[in-house]
C-alpha atoms as a PDB file:
ATOM      1  CA  MET A   1    -165.575-136.985 -59.996  1.00  0.00           C
ATOM      2  CA  THR A   2    -164.029-133.559 -59.925  1.00  0.00           C
ATOM      3  CA  GLU A   3    -164.139-131.394 -62.935  1.00  0.00           C
ATOM      4  CA  GLU A   4    -160.946-129.739 -64.241  1.00  0.00           C
ATOM      5  CA  LYS A   5    -160.951-125.883 -63.924  1.00  0.00           C
ATOM      6  CA  ARG A   6    -161.148-124.362 -67.552  1.00  0.00           C
ATOM      7  CA  TYR A   7    -160.673-120.903 -68.851  1.00  0.00           C
ATOM      8  CA  TRP A   8    -162.201-119.003 -71.861  1.00  0.00           C
ATOM      9  CA  TYR A   9    -161.050-115.952 -73.772  1.00  0.00           C
ATOM     10  CA  ASN A  10    -163.862-113.322 -74.295  1.00  0.00           C
ATOM     11  CA  VAL A  11    -163.323-111.904 -77.758  1.00  0.00           C
ATOM     12  CA  LYS A  12    -165.684-108.976 -77.028  1.00  0.00           C
ATOM     13  CA  THR A  13    -163.996-107.789 -73.860  1.00  0.00           C
ATOM     14  CA  GLY A  14    -160.552-109.184 -74.195  1.00  0.00           C
ATOM     15  CA  GLU A  15    -160.679-110.649 -70.834  1.00  0.00           C
ATOM     16  CA  VAL A  16    -160.072-114.238 -69.573  1.00  0.00           C
ATOM     17  CA  GLU A  17    -162.966-115.852 -67.843  1.00  0.00           C
ATOM     18  CA  ASP A  18    -162.669-118.285 -65.051  1.00  0.00           C
ATOM     19  CA  GLY A  19    -165.248-120.738 -66.279  1.00  0.00           C
ATOM     20  CA  PRO A  20    -167.704-119.853 -69.004  1.00  0.00           C
ATOM     21  CA  GLN A  21    -169.343-116.501 -67.935  1.00  0.00           C
ATOM     22  CA  SER A  22    -170.422-114.951 -71.273  1.00  0.00           C
ATOM     23  CA  PHE A  23    -172.443-115.956 -74.358  1.00  0.00           C
ATOM     24  CA  SER A  24    -170.804-118.695 -76.373  1.00  0.00           C
ATOM     25  CA  LYS A  25    -170.594-116.376 -79.403  1.00  0.00           C
ATOM     26  CA  ASP A  26    -168.298-114.073 -77.477  1.00  0.00           C
ATOM     27  CA  ARG A  27    -165.821-116.476 -76.143  1.00  0.00           C
ATOM     28  CA  ILE A  28    -163.377-119.051 -77.401  1.00  0.00           C
ATOM     29  CA  GLY A  29    -162.050-122.058 -75.486  1.00  0.00           C
ATOM     30  CA  PRO A  30    -161.848-123.797 -73.219  1.00  0.00           C
ATOM     31  CA  PHE A  31    -158.210-123.774 -72.198  1.00  0.00           C
ATOM     32  CA  ALA A  32    -156.504-125.676 -69.369  1.00  0.00           C
ATOM     33  CA  THR A  33    -154.746-122.654 -68.005  1.00  0.00           C
ATOM     34  CA  ARG A  34    -155.278-118.781 -67.656  1.00  0.00           C
ATOM     35  CA  GLU A  35    -152.053-118.337 -69.567  1.00  0.00           C
ATOM     36  CA  GLU A  36    -153.283-120.376 -72.635  1.00  0.00           C
ATOM     37  CA  ALA A  37    -156.455-118.447 -72.563  1.00  0.00           C
ATOM     38  CA  GLU A  38    -154.511-115.148 -72.518  1.00  0.00           C
ATOM     39  CA  HIS A  39    -152.766-116.174 -75.598  1.00  0.00           C
ATOM     40  CA  ALA A  40    -155.876-117.421 -77.431  1.00  0.00           C
ATOM     41  CA  LEU A  41    -155.803-115.106 -80.385  1.00  0.00           C
ATOM     42  CA  GLU A  42    -152.136-115.775 -80.944  1.00  0.00           C
ATOM     43  CA  THR A  43    -152.811-119.577 -80.819  1.00  0.00           C
ATOM     44  CA  TYR A  44    -155.810-119.341 -83.166  1.00  0.00           C
ATOM     45  CA  ALA A  45    -153.797-117.211 -85.544  1.00  0.00           C
ATOM     46  CA  GLN A  46    -150.787-119.742 -85.696  1.00  0.00           C
ATOM     47  CA  ARG A  47    -153.230-122.535 -86.215  1.00  0.00           C
ATOM     48  CA  ASN A  48    -154.988-120.674 -89.128  1.00  0.00           C
ATOM     49  CA  ARG A  49    -151.682-119.998 -90.746  1.00  0.00           C
ATOM     50  CA  ALA A  50    -150.664-123.660 -90.498  1.00  0.00           C
ATOM     51  CA  TRP A  51    -154.071-124.794 -92.036  1.00  0.00           C
ATOM     52  CA  ASP A  52    -153.746-122.170 -94.698  1.00  0.00           C
ATOM     53  CA  GLU A  53    -150.370-123.608 -95.749  1.00  0.00           C
ATOM     54  CA  GLU A  54    -151.609-127.136 -95.651  1.00  0.00           C
ATOM     55  CA  ASP A  55    -154.555-126.159 -97.838  1.00  0.00           C
ATOM     56  CA  LYS A  56    -152.066-124.510-100.336  1.00  0.00           C
ATOM     57  CA  GLU A  57    -149.891-127.634-100.251  1.00  0.00           C
ATOM     58  CA  ASP A  58    -153.000-129.784-100.980  1.00  0.00           C
ATOM     59  CA  ASP A  59    -154.245-127.369-103.817  1.00  0.00           C
ATOM     60  CA  GLU A  60    -150.726-127.546-105.469  1.00  0.00           C
ATOM     61  CA  TRP A  61    -150.489-131.302-105.103  1.00  0.00           C
ATOM     62  CA  GLY A  62    -149.879-132.964-108.551  1.00  0.00           C
ATOM     63  CA  ILE A  63    -149.199-129.658-110.268  1.00  0.00           C
ATOM     64  CA  LEU A  64    -146.036-129.723-112.317  1.00  0.00           C
END
């Protein structure tokens, strides 16, 4: 069984890691490609905005 190559984004250094190389508290991932890891912060920001919008809709549900 071969493992797929994974990439992490190191939030402390701003660098992409080829495999986990730093402390888990300093990295996010894994990502399937280097490009995905390079855009990790953008991806997380988009997801957070979407979740915030969902939470807002949930909070407003049933309010007339």
